[in-house]
């Protein structure tokens, strides 16, 4: 990358960071809600990954079958099984964790 492009990119990133800081300052409750919703999305993704891994490893379901059961694309099902490590041995353990876990 040329020096000119690097400097332009740094200037652009600085501008975006300033805008983000200004938004945080003027809308603190919205930022808090956005953080909470990100936490919820992360939890949802984690548990979908765990269910996908159990279906894939324990029940030998294909990505297409997992996608149909969990109402997602087969690409997402594949990505979840690749990106996450399996921490639960069966679906009952996930249900128990969800019932005893944090309130989200």
PDB file of N, CA and C in Angstrom:
ATOM      1  N   UNK A   1       0.852  -1.157   0.000  1.00  0.00           N
ATOM      2  CA  UNK A   1       0.000   0.000   0.000  1.00  0.00           C
ATOM      3  C   UNK A   1       0.907   1.231   0.000  1.00  0.00           C
ATOM      4  N   UNK A   2       0.564   2.168  -0.792  1.00  0.00           N
ATOM      5  CA  UNK A   2       1.380   3.376  -0.899  1.00  0.00           C
ATOM      6  C   UNK A   2       1.194   4.250   0.341  1.00  0.00           C
ATOM      7  N   UNK A   3       2.131   5.143   0.535  1.00  0.00           N
ATOM      8  CA  UNK A   3       2.078   6.040   1.690  1.00  0.00           C
ATOM      9  C   UNK A   3       0.843   6.920   1.646  1.00  0.00           C
ATOM     10  N   UNK A   4       0.492   7.387   0.464  1.00  0.00           N
ATOM     11  CA  UNK A   4      -0.690   8.244   0.324  1.00  0.00           C
ATOM     12  C   UNK A   4      -1.953   7.495   0.740  1.00  0.00           C
ATOM     13  N   UNK A   5      -2.093   6.250   0.257  1.00  0.00           N
ATOM     14  CA  UNK A   5      -3.271   5.457   0.599  1.00  0.00           C
ATOM     15  C   UNK A   5      -3.282   5.129   2.084  1.00  0.00           C
ATOM     16  N   UNK A   6      -2.122   4.843   2.652  1.00  0.00           N
ATOM     17  CA  UNK A   6      -2.036   4.544   4.080  1.00  0.00           C
ATOM     18  C   UNK A   6      -2.472   5.746   4.902  1.00  0.00           C
ATOM     19  N   UNK A   7      -1.999   6.926   4.534  1.00  0.00           N
ATOM     20  CA  UNK A   7      -2.380   8.145   5.250  1.00  0.00           C
ATOM     21  C   UNK A   7      -3.866   8.427   5.109  1.00  0.00           C
ATOM     22  N   UNK A   8      -4.424   8.196   3.917  1.00  0.00           N
ATOM     23  CA  UNK A   8      -5.861   8.395   3.706  1.00  0.00           C
ATOM     24  C   UNK A   8      -6.664   7.424   4.572  1.00  0.00           C
ATOM     25  N   UNK A   9      -6.208   6.187   4.630  1.00  0.00           N
ATOM     26  CA  UNK A   9      -6.903   5.177   5.415  1.00  0.00           C
ATOM     27  C   UNK A   9      -6.861   5.523   6.908  1.00  0.00           C
ATOM     28  N   UNK A  10      -5.699   5.970   7.395  1.00  0.00           N
ATOM     29  CA  UNK A  10      -5.583   6.380   8.795  1.00  0.00           C
ATOM     30  C   UNK A  10      -6.496   7.562   9.095  1.00  0.00           C
ATOM     31  N   UNK A  11      -6.550   8.526   8.189  1.00  0.00           N
ATOM     32  CA  UNK A  11      -7.422   9.686   8.373  1.00  0.00           C
ATOM     33  C   UNK A  11      -8.883   9.256   8.408  1.00  0.00           C
ATOM     34  N   UNK A  12      -9.242   8.341   7.527  1.00  0.00           N
ATOM     35  CA  UNK A  12     -10.622   7.856   7.478  1.00  0.00           C
ATOM     36  C   UNK A  12     -10.973   7.103   8.766  1.00  0.00           C
ATOM     37  N   UNK A  13     -10.073   6.244   9.241  1.00  0.00           N
ATOM     38  CA  UNK A  13     -10.319   5.513  10.480  1.00  0.00           C
ATOM     39  C   UNK A  13     -10.435   6.461  11.669  1.00  0.00           C
ATOM     40  N   UNK A  14      -9.596   7.487  11.713  1.00  0.00           N
ATOM     41  CA  UNK A  14      -9.672   8.486  12.777  1.00  0.00           C
ATOM     42  C   UNK A  14     -11.023   9.187  12.755  1.00  0.00           C
ATOM     43  N   UNK A  15     -11.489   9.520  11.561  1.00  0.00           N
ATOM     44  CA  UNK A  15     -12.791  10.176  11.410  1.00  0.00           C
ATOM     45  C   UNK A  15     -13.910   9.259  11.913  1.00  0.00           C
ATOM     46  N   UNK A  16     -13.857   7.977  11.547  1.00  0.00           N
ATOM     47  CA  UNK A  16     -14.878   7.029  11.998  1.00  0.00           C
ATOM     48  C   UNK A  16     -14.862   6.880  13.515  1.00  0.00           C
ATOM     49  N   UNK A  17     -13.676   6.823  14.107  1.00  0.00           N
ATOM     50  CA  UNK A  17     -13.573   6.698  15.561  1.00  0.00           C
ATOM     51  C   UNK A  17     -14.139   7.930  16.260  1.00  0.00           C
ATOM     52  N   UNK A  18     -13.884   9.096  15.710  1.00  0.00           N
ATOM     53  CA  UNK A  18     -14.443  10.321  16.276  1.00  0.00           C
ATOM     54  C   UNK A  18     -15.966  10.301  16.207  1.00  0.00           C
ATOM     55  N   UNK A  19     -16.508   9.820  15.085  1.00  0.00           N
ATOM     56  CA  UNK A  19     -17.968   9.737  14.937  1.00  0.00           C
ATOM     57  C   UNK A  19     -18.548   8.755  15.941  1.00  0.00           C
ATOM     58  N   UNK A  20     -17.867   7.636  16.126  1.00  0.00           N
ATOM     59  CA  UNK A  20     -18.334   6.631  17.074  1.00  0.00           C
ATOM     60  C   UNK A  20     -18.309   7.185  18.495  1.00  0.00           C
ATOM     61  N   UNK A  21     -17.238   7.860  18.865  1.00  0.00           N
ATOM     62  CA  UNK A  21     -17.148   8.465  20.190  1.00  0.00           C
ATOM     63  C   UNK A  21     -18.249   9.506  20.397  1.00  0.00           C
ATOM     64  N   UNK A  22     -18.519  10.297  19.373  1.00  0.00           N
ATOM     65  CA  UNK A  22     -19.573  11.302  19.466  1.00  0.00           C
ATOM     66  C   UNK A  22     -20.930  10.632  19.650  1.00  0.00           C
ATOM     67  N   UNK A  23     -21.173   9.555  18.914  1.00  0.00           N
ATOM     68  CA  UNK A  23     -22.434   8.819  19.054  1.00  0.00           C
ATOM     69  C   UNK A  23     -22.557   8.272  20.475  1.00  0.00           C
ATOM     70  N   UNK A  24     -21.477   7.686  21.010  1.00  0.00           N
ATOM     71  CA  UNK A  24     -21.491   7.149  22.375  1.00  0.00           C
ATOM     72  C   UNK A  24     -21.817   8.236  23.385  1.00  0.00           C
ATOM     73  N   UNK A  25     -21.288   9.425  23.175  1.00  0.00           N
ATOM     74  CA  UNK A  25     -21.493  10.531  24.094  1.00  0.00           C
ATOM     75  C   UNK A  25     -22.938  11.038  24.060  1.00  0.00           C
ATOM     76  N   UNK A  26     -23.502  11.126  22.869  1.00  0.00           N
ATOM     77  CA  UNK A  26     -24.847  11.691  22.723  1.00  0.00           C
ATOM     78  C   UNK A  26     -25.968  10.669  22.921  1.00  0.00           C
ATOM     79  N   UNK A  27     -25.659   9.387  22.796  1.00  0.00           N
ATOM     80  CA  UNK A  27     -26.686   8.342  22.888  1.00  0.00           C
ATOM     81  C   UNK A  27     -26.226   7.202  23.802  1.00  0.00           C
ATOM     82  N   UNK A  28     -25.965   7.457  25.063  1.00  0.00           N
ATOM     83  CA  UNK A  28     -25.416   6.402  25.929  1.00  0.00           C
ATOM     84  C   UNK A  28     -26.350   5.217  26.122  1.00  0.00           C
ATOM     85  N   UNK A  29     -27.666   5.445  26.167  1.00  0.00           N
ATOM     86  CA  UNK A  29     -28.577   4.317  26.373  1.00  0.00           C
ATOM     87  C   UNK A  29     -28.636   3.430  25.135  1.00  0.00           C
ATOM     88  N   UNK A  30     -28.594   4.031  23.949  1.00  0.00           N
ATOM     89  CA  UNK A  30     -28.595   3.228  22.727  1.00  0.00           C
ATOM     90  C   UNK A  30     -27.342   2.371  22.653  1.00  0.00           C
ATOM     91  N   UNK A  31     -26.226   2.923  23.031  1.00  0.00           N
ATOM     92  CA  UNK A  31     -24.974   2.160  23.001  1.00  0.00           C
ATOM     93  C   UNK A  31     -25.059   0.996  23.967  1.00  0.00           C
ATOM     94  N   UNK A  32     -25.613   1.242  25.138  1.00  0.00           N
ATOM     95  CA  UNK A  32     -25.779   0.181  26.127  1.00  0.00           C
ATOM     96  C   UNK A  32     -26.683  -0.925  25.589  1.00  0.00           C
ATOM     97  N   UNK A  33     -27.775  -0.545  24.943  1.00  0.00           N
ATOM     98  CA  UNK A  33     -28.685  -1.532  24.345  1.00  0.00           C
ATOM     99  C   UNK A  33     -28.006  -2.315  23.243  1.00  0.00           C
ATOM    100  N   UNK A  34     -27.181  -1.641  22.451  1.00  0.00           N
ATOM    101  CA  UNK A  34     -26.465  -2.325  21.365  1.00  0.00           C
ATOM    102  C   UNK A  34     -25.498  -3.345  21.939  1.00  0.00           C
ATOM    103  N   UNK A  35     -24.830  -3.020  23.043  1.00  0.00           N
ATOM    104  CA  UNK A  35     -23.904  -3.959  23.677  1.00  0.00           C
ATOM    105  C   UNK A  35     -24.667  -5.164  24.191  1.00  0.00           C
ATOM    106  N   UNK A  36     -25.805  -4.917  24.852  1.00  0.00           N
ATOM    107  CA  UNK A  36     -26.615  -6.013  25.365  1.00  0.00           C
ATOM    108  C   UNK A  36     -27.090  -6.923  24.242  1.00  0.00           C
ATOM    109  N   UNK A  37     -27.540  -6.338  23.143  1.00  0.00           N
ATOM    110  CA  UNK A  37     -28.037  -7.158  22.048  1.00  0.00           C
ATOM    111  C   UNK A  37     -26.889  -7.951  21.415  1.00  0.00           C
ATOM    112  N   UNK A  38     -25.674  -7.396  21.396  1.00  0.00           N
ATOM    113  CA  UNK A  38     -24.521  -8.139  20.884  1.00  0.00           C
ATOM    114  C   UNK A  38     -24.237  -9.342  21.783  1.00  0.00           C
ATOM    115  N   UNK A  39     -24.343  -9.156  23.083  1.00  0.00           N
ATOM    116  CA  UNK A  39     -24.144 -10.251  24.031  1.00  0.00           C
ATOM    117  C   UNK A  39     -25.168 -11.362  23.788  1.00  0.00           C
ATOM    118  N   UNK A  40     -26.408 -10.957  23.572  1.00  0.00           N
ATOM    119  CA  UNK A  40     -27.464 -11.935  23.297  1.00  0.00           C
ATOM    120  C   UNK A  40     -27.207 -12.675  21.990  1.00  0.00           C
ATOM    121  N   UNK A  41     -26.767 -11.948  20.959  1.00  0.00           N
ATOM    122  CA  UNK A  41     -26.458 -12.591  19.679  1.00  0.00           C
ATOM    123  C   UNK A  41     -25.296 -13.567  19.824  1.00  0.00           C
ATOM    124  N   UNK A  42     -24.288 -13.184  20.597  1.00  0.00           N
ATOM    125  CA  UNK A  42     -23.152 -14.077  20.823  1.00  0.00           C
ATOM    126  C   UNK A  42     -23.587 -15.345  21.539  1.00  0.00           C
ATOM    127  N   UNK A  43     -24.447 -15.195  22.563  1.00  0.00           N
ATOM    128  CA  UNK A  43     -24.960 -16.367  23.276  1.00  0.00           C
ATOM    129  C   UNK A  43     -25.767 -17.257  22.346  1.00  0.00           C
ATOM    130  N   UNK A  44     -26.621 -16.658  21.557  1.00  0.00           N
ATOM    131  CA  UNK A  44     -27.453 -17.427  20.630  1.00  0.00           C
ATOM    132  C   UNK A  44     -26.577 -18.187  19.638  1.00  0.00           C
ATOM    133  N   UNK A  45     -25.582 -17.518  19.104  1.00  0.00           N
ATOM    134  CA  UNK A  45     -24.678 -18.156  18.145  1.00  0.00           C
ATOM    135  C   UNK A  45     -23.921 -19.307  18.798  1.00  0.00           C
ATOM    136  N   UNK A  46     -23.460 -19.104  20.021  1.00  0.00           N
ATOM    137  CA  UNK A  46     -22.722 -20.139  20.743  1.00  0.00           C
ATOM    138  C   UNK A  46     -23.576 -21.392  20.913  1.00  0.00           C
ATOM    139  N   UNK A  47     -24.810 -21.207  21.375  1.00  0.00           N
ATOM    140  CA  UNK A  47     -25.663 -22.372  21.610  1.00  0.00           C
ATOM    141  C   UNK A  47     -26.120 -23.017  20.301  1.00  0.00           C
ATOM    142  N   UNK A  48     -26.344 -22.241  19.272  1.00  0.00           N
ATOM    143  CA  UNK A  48     -26.642 -22.839  17.968  1.00  0.00           C
ATOM    144  C   UNK A  48     -25.457 -23.671  17.475  1.00  0.00           C
ATOM    145  N   UNK A  49     -24.256 -23.183  17.712  1.00  0.00           N
ATOM    146  CA  UNK A  49     -23.056 -23.927  17.330  1.00  0.00           C
ATOM    147  C   UNK A  49     -22.969 -25.238  18.108  1.00  0.00           C
ATOM    148  N   UNK A  50     -23.252 -25.176  19.405  1.00  0.00           N
ATOM    149  CA  UNK A  50     -23.189 -26.390  20.214  1.00  0.00           C
ATOM    150  C   UNK A  50     -24.225 -27.425  19.763  1.00  0.00           C
ATOM    151  N   UNK A  51     -25.427 -26.965  19.465  1.00  0.00           N
ATOM    152  CA  UNK A  51     -26.463 -27.881  18.965  1.00  0.00           C
ATOM    153  C   UNK A  51     -26.051 -28.448  17.611  1.00  0.00           C
ATOM    154  N   UNK A  52     -25.521 -27.605  16.749  1.00  0.00           N
ATOM    155  CA  UNK A  52     -25.070 -28.059  15.426  1.00  0.00           C
ATOM    156  C   UNK A  52     -23.977 -29.105  15.558  1.00  0.00           C
ATOM    157  N   UNK A  53     -23.035 -28.884  16.461  1.00  0.00           N
ATOM    158  CA  UNK A  53     -21.944 -29.837  16.665  1.00  0.00           C
ATOM    159  C   UNK A  53     -22.451 -31.181  17.174  1.00  0.00           C
ATOM    160  N   UNK A  54     -23.416 -31.145  18.077  1.00  0.00           N
ATOM    161  CA  UNK A  54     -23.982 -32.398  18.581  1.00  0.00           C
ATOM    162  C   UNK A  54     -24.716 -33.135  17.478  1.00  0.00           C
ATOM    163  N   UNK A  55     -25.504 -32.411  16.695  1.00  0.00           N
ATOM    164  CA  UNK A  55     -26.220 -33.050  15.581  1.00  0.00           C
ATOM    165  C   UNK A  55     -25.242 -33.626  14.561  1.00  0.00           C
ATOM    166  N   UNK A  56     -24.165 -32.909  14.316  1.00  0.00           N
ATOM    167  CA  UNK A  56     -23.177 -33.332  13.325  1.00  0.00           C
ATOM    168  C   UNK A  56     -22.339 -34.505  13.836  1.00  0.00           C
ATOM    169  N   UNK A  57     -21.802 -34.383  15.037  1.00  0.00           N
ATOM    170  CA  UNK A  57     -20.893 -35.404  15.566  1.00  0.00           C
ATOM    171  C   UNK A  57     -21.601 -36.599  16.184  1.00  0.00           C
ATOM    172  N   UNK A  58     -22.667 -36.380  16.941  1.00  0.00           N
ATOM    173  CA  UNK A  58     -23.321 -37.473  17.653  1.00  0.00           C
ATOM    174  C   UNK A  58     -24.380 -38.180  16.821  1.00  0.00           C
ATOM    175  N   UNK A  59     -25.039 -37.426  15.931  1.00  0.00           N
ATOM    176  CA  UNK A  59     -26.146 -38.000  15.174  1.00  0.00           C
ATOM    177  C   UNK A  59     -25.870 -38.077  13.676  1.00  0.00           C
ATOM    178  N   UNK A  60     -24.660 -37.737  13.266  1.00  0.00           N
ATOM    179  CA  UNK A  60     -24.209 -37.808  11.876  1.00  0.00           C
ATOM    180  C   UNK A  60     -25.181 -37.138  10.892  1.00  0.00           C
ATOM    181  N   UNK A  61     -25.669 -35.979  11.281  1.00  0.00           N
ATOM    182  CA  UNK A  61     -26.551 -35.209  10.410  1.00  0.00           C
ATOM    183  C   UNK A  61     -25.708 -34.373   9.451  1.00  0.00           C
ATOM    184  N   UNK A  62     -26.195 -34.191   8.240  1.00  0.00           N
ATOM    185  CA  UNK A  62     -25.479 -33.375   7.264  1.00  0.00           C
ATOM    186  C   UNK A  62     -25.725 -31.894   7.563  1.00  0.00           C
ATOM    187  N   UNK A  63     -24.923 -31.055   6.933  1.00  0.00           N
ATOM    188  CA  UNK A  63     -25.104 -29.607   7.106  1.00  0.00           C
ATOM    189  C   UNK A  63     -26.492 -29.182   6.631  1.00  0.00           C
ATOM    190  N   UNK A  64     -26.952 -29.784   5.577  1.00  0.00           N
ATOM    191  CA  UNK A  64     -28.275 -29.462   5.043  1.00  0.00           C
ATOM    192  C   UNK A  64     -29.369 -29.859   6.038  1.00  0.00           C
ATOM    193  N   UNK A  65     -29.235 -31.024   6.642  1.00  0.00           N
ATOM    194  CA  UNK A  65     -30.222 -31.460   7.624  1.00  0.00           C
ATOM    195  C   UNK A  65     -30.211 -30.574   8.873  1.00  0.00           C
ATOM    196  N   UNK A  66     -29.007 -30.215   9.318  1.00  0.00           N
ATOM    197  CA  UNK A  66     -28.883 -29.320  10.469  1.00  0.00           C
ATOM    198  C   UNK A  66     -29.520 -27.975  10.157  1.00  0.00           C
ATOM    199  N   UNK A  67     -29.253 -27.473   8.968  1.00  0.00           N
ATOM    200  CA  UNK A  67     -29.807 -26.181   8.545  1.00  0.00           C
ATOM    201  C   UNK A  67     -31.334 -26.217   8.550  1.00  0.00           C
ATOM    202  N   UNK A  68     -31.913 -27.302   8.059  1.00  0.00           N
ATOM    203  CA  UNK A  68     -33.368 -27.414   8.040  1.00  0.00           C
ATOM    204  C   UNK A  68     -33.941 -27.479   9.451  1.00  0.00           C
ATOM    205  N   UNK A  69     -33.279 -28.228  10.333  1.00  0.00           N
ATOM    206  CA  UNK A  69     -33.778 -28.363  11.704  1.00  0.00           C
ATOM    207  C   UNK A  69     -33.687 -27.061  12.481  1.00  0.00           C
ATOM    208  N   UNK A  70     -32.615 -26.299  12.253  1.00  0.00           N
ATOM    209  CA  UNK A  70     -32.383 -25.086  13.035  1.00  0.00           C
ATOM    210  C   UNK A  70     -32.757 -23.808  12.290  1.00  0.00           C
ATOM    211  N   UNK A  71     -33.362 -23.979  11.133  1.00  0.00           N
ATOM    212  CA  UNK A  71     -33.845 -22.847  10.344  1.00  0.00           C
ATOM    213  C   UNK A  71     -32.735 -21.839  10.023  1.00  0.00           C
ATOM    214  N   UNK A  72     -31.697 -22.336   9.371  1.00  0.00           N
ATOM    215  CA  UNK A  72     -30.578 -21.495   8.937  1.00  0.00           C
ATOM    216  C   UNK A  72     -30.047 -22.049   7.629  1.00  0.00           C
ATOM    217  N   UNK A  73     -29.101 -21.378   7.042  1.00  0.00           N
ATOM    218  CA  UNK A  73     -28.522 -21.864   5.797  1.00  0.00           C
ATOM    219  C   UNK A  73     -27.518 -22.976   6.094  1.00  0.00           C
ATOM    220  N   UNK A  74     -27.288 -23.839   5.134  1.00  0.00           N
ATOM    221  CA  UNK A  74     -26.311 -24.911   5.319  1.00  0.00           C
ATOM    222  C   UNK A  74     -24.901 -24.332   5.454  1.00  0.00           C
ATOM    223  N   UNK A  75     -24.659 -23.190   4.823  1.00  0.00           N
ATOM    224  CA  UNK A  75     -23.363 -22.519   4.964  1.00  0.00           C
ATOM    225  C   UNK A  75     -23.140 -22.079   6.412  1.00  0.00           C
ATOM    226  N   UNK A  76     -24.180 -21.549   7.037  1.00  0.00           N
ATOM    227  CA  UNK A  76     -24.075 -21.134   8.437  1.00  0.00           C
ATOM    228  C   UNK A  76     -23.848 -22.352   9.328  1.00  0.00           C
ATOM    229  N   UNK A  77     -24.568 -23.427   9.070  1.00  0.00           N
ATOM    230  CA  UNK A  77     -24.404 -24.656   9.851  1.00  0.00           C
ATOM    231  C   UNK A  77     -22.967 -25.175   9.741  1.00  0.00           C
ATOM    232  N   UNK A  78     -22.432 -25.148   8.548  1.00  0.00           N
ATOM    233  CA  UNK A  78     -21.051 -25.602   8.340  1.00  0.00           C
ATOM    234  C   UNK A  78     -20.073 -24.701   9.071  1.00  0.00           C
ATOM    235  N   UNK A  79     -20.281 -23.384   8.961  1.00  0.00           N
ATOM    236  CA  UNK A  79     -19.385 -22.429   9.617  1.00  0.00           C
ATOM    237  C   UNK A  79     -19.405 -22.609  11.130  1.00  0.00           C
ATOM    238  N   UNK A  80     -20.583 -22.834  11.692  1.00  0.00           N
ATOM    239  CA  UNK A  80     -20.688 -23.024  13.134  1.00  0.00           C
ATOM    240  C   UNK A  80     -19.953 -24.271  13.597  1.00  0.00           C
ATOM    241  N   UNK A  81     -20.033 -25.347  12.826  1.00  0.00           N
ATOM    242  CA  UNK A  81     -19.345 -26.576  13.222  1.00  0.00           C
ATOM    243  C   UNK A  81     -17.832 -26.468  13.065  1.00  0.00           C
ATOM    244  N   UNK A  82     -17.385 -25.588  12.212  1.00  0.00           N
ATOM    245  CA  UNK A  82     -15.940 -25.390  12.018  1.00  0.00           C
ATOM    246  C   UNK A  82     -15.373 -24.392  13.024  1.00  0.00           C
ATOM    247  N   UNK A  83     -16.106 -23.309  13.278  1.00  0.00           N
ATOM    248  CA  UNK A  83     -15.599 -22.210  14.106  1.00  0.00           C
ATOM    249  C   UNK A  83     -15.629 -22.499  15.604  1.00  0.00           C
ATOM    250  N   UNK A  84     -16.466 -23.402  16.048  1.00  0.00           N
ATOM    251  CA  UNK A  84     -16.620 -23.657  17.480  1.00  0.00           C
ATOM    252  C   UNK A  84     -16.184 -25.069  17.830  1.00  0.00           C
ATOM    253  N   UNK A  85     -15.792 -25.230  19.100  1.00  0.00           N
ATOM    254  CA  UNK A  85     -15.428 -26.527  19.632  1.00  0.00           C
ATOM    255  C   UNK A  85     -16.602 -27.058  20.445  1.00  0.00           C
ATOM    256  N   UNK A  86     -16.825 -28.361  20.399  1.00  0.00           N
ATOM    257  CA  UNK A  86     -17.955 -28.950  21.111  1.00  0.00           C
ATOM    258  C   UNK A  86     -17.633 -29.068  22.599  1.00  0.00           C
ATOM    259  N   UNK A  87     -18.497 -28.480  23.451  1.00  0.00           N
ATOM    260  CA  UNK A  87     -18.312 -28.515  24.895  1.00  0.00           C
ATOM    261  C   UNK A  87     -19.347 -29.381  25.602  1.00  0.00           C
ATOM    262  N   UNK A  88     -20.404 -29.747  24.916  1.00  0.00           N
ATOM    263  CA  UNK A  88     -21.461 -30.552  25.510  1.00  0.00           C
ATOM    264  C   UNK A  88     -21.480 -31.919  24.851  1.00  0.00           C
ATOM    265  N   UNK A  89     -21.873 -32.947  25.637  1.00  0.00           N
ATOM    266  CA  UNK A  89     -21.918 -34.304  25.103  1.00  0.00           C
ATOM    267  C   UNK A  89     -23.259 -34.650  24.467  1.00  0.00           C
ATOM    268  N   UNK A  90     -24.323 -33.976  24.915  1.00  0.00           N
ATOM    269  CA  UNK A  90     -25.637 -34.279  24.360  1.00  0.00           C
ATOM    270  C   UNK A  90     -26.555 -33.076  24.488  1.00  0.00           C
ATOM    271  N   UNK A  91     -27.709 -33.180  23.880  1.00  0.00           N
ATOM    272  CA  UNK A  91     -28.668 -32.074  23.868  1.00  0.00           C
ATOM    273  C   UNK A  91     -29.240 -31.787  25.254  1.00  0.00           C
ATOM    274  N   UNK A  92     -29.348 -32.830  26.099  1.00  0.00           N
ATOM    275  CA  UNK A  92     -29.878 -32.633  27.449  1.00  0.00           C
ATOM    276  C   UNK A  92     -28.966 -31.707  28.265  1.00  0.00           C
ATOM    277  N   UNK A  93     -27.651 -31.827  28.083  1.00  0.00           N
ATOM    278  CA  UNK A  93     -26.721 -30.951  28.794  1.00  0.00           C
ATOM    279  C   UNK A  93     -26.911 -29.486  28.383  1.00  0.00           C
ATOM    280  N   UNK A  94     -27.180 -29.270  27.109  1.00  0.00           N
ATOM    281  CA  UNK A  94     -27.435 -27.904  26.643  1.00  0.00           C
ATOM    282  C   UNK A  94     -28.710 -27.363  27.260  1.00  0.00           C
ATOM    283  N   UNK A  95     -29.760 -28.181  27.286  1.00  0.00           N
ATOM    284  CA  UNK A  95     -31.027 -27.749  27.885  1.00  0.00           C
ATOM    285  C   UNK A  95     -30.840 -27.419  29.366  1.00  0.00           C
ATOM    286  N   UNK A  96     -30.079 -28.243  30.061  1.00  0.00           N
ATOM    287  CA  UNK A  96     -29.820 -27.994  31.483  1.00  0.00           C
ATOM    288  C   UNK A  96     -29.039 -26.689  31.667  1.00  0.00           C
ATOM    289  N   UNK A  97     -28.036 -26.465  30.833  1.00  0.00           N
ATOM    290  CA  UNK A  97     -27.247 -25.237  30.897  1.00  0.00           C
ATOM    291  C   UNK A  97     -28.120 -24.008  30.636  1.00  0.00           C
ATOM    292  N   UNK A  98     -28.999 -24.105  29.658  1.00  0.00           N
ATOM    293  CA  UNK A  98     -29.881 -22.987  29.340  1.00  0.00           C
ATOM    294  C   UNK A  98     -30.864 -22.700  30.468  1.00  0.00           C
ATOM    295  N   UNK A  99     -31.341 -23.755  31.125  1.00  0.00           N
ATOM    296  CA  UNK A  99     -32.294 -23.559  32.218  1.00  0.00           C
ATOM    297  C   UNK A  99     -31.613 -23.015  33.463  1.00  0.00           C
ATOM    298  N   UNK A 100     -30.358 -23.407  33.687  1.00  0.00           N
ATOM    299  CA  UNK A 100     -29.652 -22.978  34.894  1.00  0.00           C
ATOM    300  C   UNK A 100     -28.724 -21.808  34.655  1.00  0.00           C
ATOM    301  N   UNK A 101     -28.583 -21.412  33.391  1.00  0.00           N
ATOM    302  CA  UNK A 101     -27.616 -20.378  33.042  1.00  0.00           C
ATOM    303  C   UNK A 101     -28.132 -18.981  33.282  1.00  0.00           C
ATOM    304  N   UNK A 102     -27.404 -18.031  32.720  1.00  0.00           N
ATOM    305  CA  UNK A 102     -27.767 -16.626  32.887  1.00  0.00           C
ATOM    306  C   UNK A 102     -29.089 -16.317  32.181  1.00  0.00           C
ATOM    307  N   UNK A 103     -29.742 -15.310  32.652  1.00  0.00           N
ATOM    308  CA  UNK A 103     -31.036 -14.916  32.097  1.00  0.00           C
ATOM    309  C   UNK A 103     -30.825 -14.006  30.892  1.00  0.00           C
ATOM    310  N   UNK A 104     -30.957 -14.555  29.714  1.00  0.00           N
ATOM    311  CA  UNK A 104     -30.810 -13.752  28.497  1.00  0.00           C
ATOM    312  C   UNK A 104     -31.923 -14.109  27.586  1.00  0.00           C
TER     313      UNK A 104
END
